[in-house]
């Protein structure tokens, strides 16, 4: 699911350009997309970095059009492993159709 013909990467959130690590991770993701290679690991790395280093930038839970957020919201143990936060962070650098797969 990394073909640049099928799902071009949108411009990342503005704060990401000011962070050297975000920029390097996005560049690695872009190289994989351009090469039409698997990029799941790169997607996870960017989302994890955002959760760990830019928590104030993580979007609010999706209120419509997301099959995953209601399941995360229904959990009574919070967000173990910060998976819900990573799910929402993916909106900052991936097309919606791809971002909401996780």
Protein backbone atom coordinates (compact mmCIF):
# COMPACT_ATOMS: atom_id res chain seq x y z
CA UNK A 1 0.00 0.00 0.00
CA UNK A 2 2.79 2.37 -0.83
CA UNK A 3 2.44 2.97 -4.53
CA UNK A 4 2.85 6.67 -5.23
CA UNK A 5 0.43 6.28 -8.16
CA UNK A 6 -2.36 4.96 -5.91
CA UNK A 7 -1.88 7.00 -2.74
CA UNK A 8 0.42 10.01 -3.08
CA UNK A 9 1.67 11.32 0.22
CA UNK A 10 0.02 14.59 1.25
CA UNK A 11 2.15 17.45 2.56
CA UNK A 12 3.06 16.71 6.17
CA UNK A 13 1.85 18.86 9.04
CA UNK A 14 3.86 22.12 9.23
CA UNK A 15 5.54 21.33 12.57
CA UNK A 16 7.18 18.30 10.94
CA UNK A 17 9.38 20.48 8.72
CA UNK A 18 10.93 22.08 11.80
CA UNK A 19 11.97 18.76 13.35
CA UNK A 20 15.09 17.14 11.93
CA UNK A 21 14.02 13.63 12.93
CA UNK A 22 10.53 14.08 11.42
CA UNK A 23 12.17 15.27 8.23
CA UNK A 24 14.53 12.25 8.09
CA UNK A 25 11.71 9.79 8.80
CA UNK A 26 9.47 11.40 6.18
CA UNK A 27 12.29 11.29 3.67
CA UNK A 28 12.78 7.56 4.31
CA UNK A 29 9.03 7.02 3.90
CA UNK A 30 9.03 9.03 0.68
CA UNK A 31 11.91 6.97 -0.74
CA UNK A 32 9.98 3.75 -0.10
CA UNK A 33 6.84 5.17 -1.69
CA UNK A 34 8.80 6.36 -4.73
CA UNK A 35 10.40 2.92 -5.07
CA UNK A 36 6.96 1.31 -4.73
CA UNK A 37 8.40 -0.78 -1.90
CA UNK A 38 6.70 -1.82 1.32
CA UNK A 39 6.63 1.13 3.68
CA UNK A 40 4.76 -0.12 6.74
CA UNK A 41 7.81 0.06 9.00
CA UNK A 42 8.49 3.63 7.90
CA UNK A 43 4.86 4.62 8.56
CA UNK A 44 5.08 3.18 12.07
CA UNK A 45 8.38 4.96 12.72
CA UNK A 46 6.95 8.36 11.83
CA UNK A 47 3.79 7.81 13.91
CA UNK A 48 5.81 6.55 16.91
CA UNK A 49 8.15 9.56 16.70
CA UNK A 50 5.18 11.96 16.70
CA UNK A 51 3.59 10.25 19.70
CA UNK A 52 6.84 10.28 21.68
CA UNK A 53 8.16 13.71 20.69
CA UNK A 54 5.20 15.82 19.56
CA UNK A 55 2.23 14.69 21.70
CA UNK A 56 0.54 18.10 21.54
CA UNK A 57 0.30 17.76 17.74
CA UNK A 58 -1.68 14.50 17.74
CA UNK A 59 -5.14 15.09 16.28
CA UNK A 60 -8.27 14.55 18.33
CA UNK A 61 -10.16 11.26 17.89
CA UNK A 62 -11.97 10.95 14.60
CA UNK A 63 -15.66 11.75 14.99
CA UNK A 64 -16.83 10.40 11.64
CA UNK A 65 -15.68 8.09 8.89
CA UNK A 66 -13.38 6.03 11.07
CA UNK A 67 -14.05 2.39 11.85
CA UNK A 68 -11.18 2.20 14.36
CA UNK A 69 -11.70 5.13 16.75
CA UNK A 70 -14.92 3.79 18.34
CA UNK A 71 -13.10 0.56 19.22
CA UNK A 72 -10.19 2.43 20.74
CA UNK A 73 -12.58 4.73 22.64
CA UNK A 74 -14.49 1.77 24.06
CA UNK A 75 -11.42 0.29 25.72
CA UNK A 76 -11.45 0.55 29.49
CA UNK A 77 -7.67 0.28 29.82
CA UNK A 78 -6.81 3.58 28.16
CA UNK A 79 -4.38 3.47 25.26
CA UNK A 80 -1.85 0.74 25.99
CA UNK A 81 1.19 1.14 23.81
CA UNK A 82 -0.29 4.41 22.59
CA UNK A 83 -1.73 2.66 19.55
CA UNK A 84 -4.72 5.00 19.34
CA UNK A 85 -2.40 8.00 19.41
CA UNK A 86 -0.32 6.46 16.61
CA UNK A 87 -3.51 5.80 14.63
CA UNK A 88 -4.48 9.48 14.87
CA UNK A 89 -0.93 10.72 14.21
CA UNK A 90 -0.94 8.94 10.85
CA UNK A 91 -3.43 11.57 9.62
CA UNK A 92 -0.61 14.10 9.78
CA UNK A 93 1.42 12.52 6.98
CA UNK A 94 -0.65 9.88 5.14
CA UNK A 95 -3.75 10.01 2.94
CA UNK A 96 -6.87 9.38 5.04
CA UNK A 97 -7.63 6.07 3.30
CA UNK A 98 -4.22 4.73 4.33
CA UNK A 99 -3.94 6.46 7.70
CA UNK A 100 -7.10 4.89 9.05
CA UNK A 101 -6.16 1.31 8.20
CA UNK A 102 -4.36 0.89 11.53
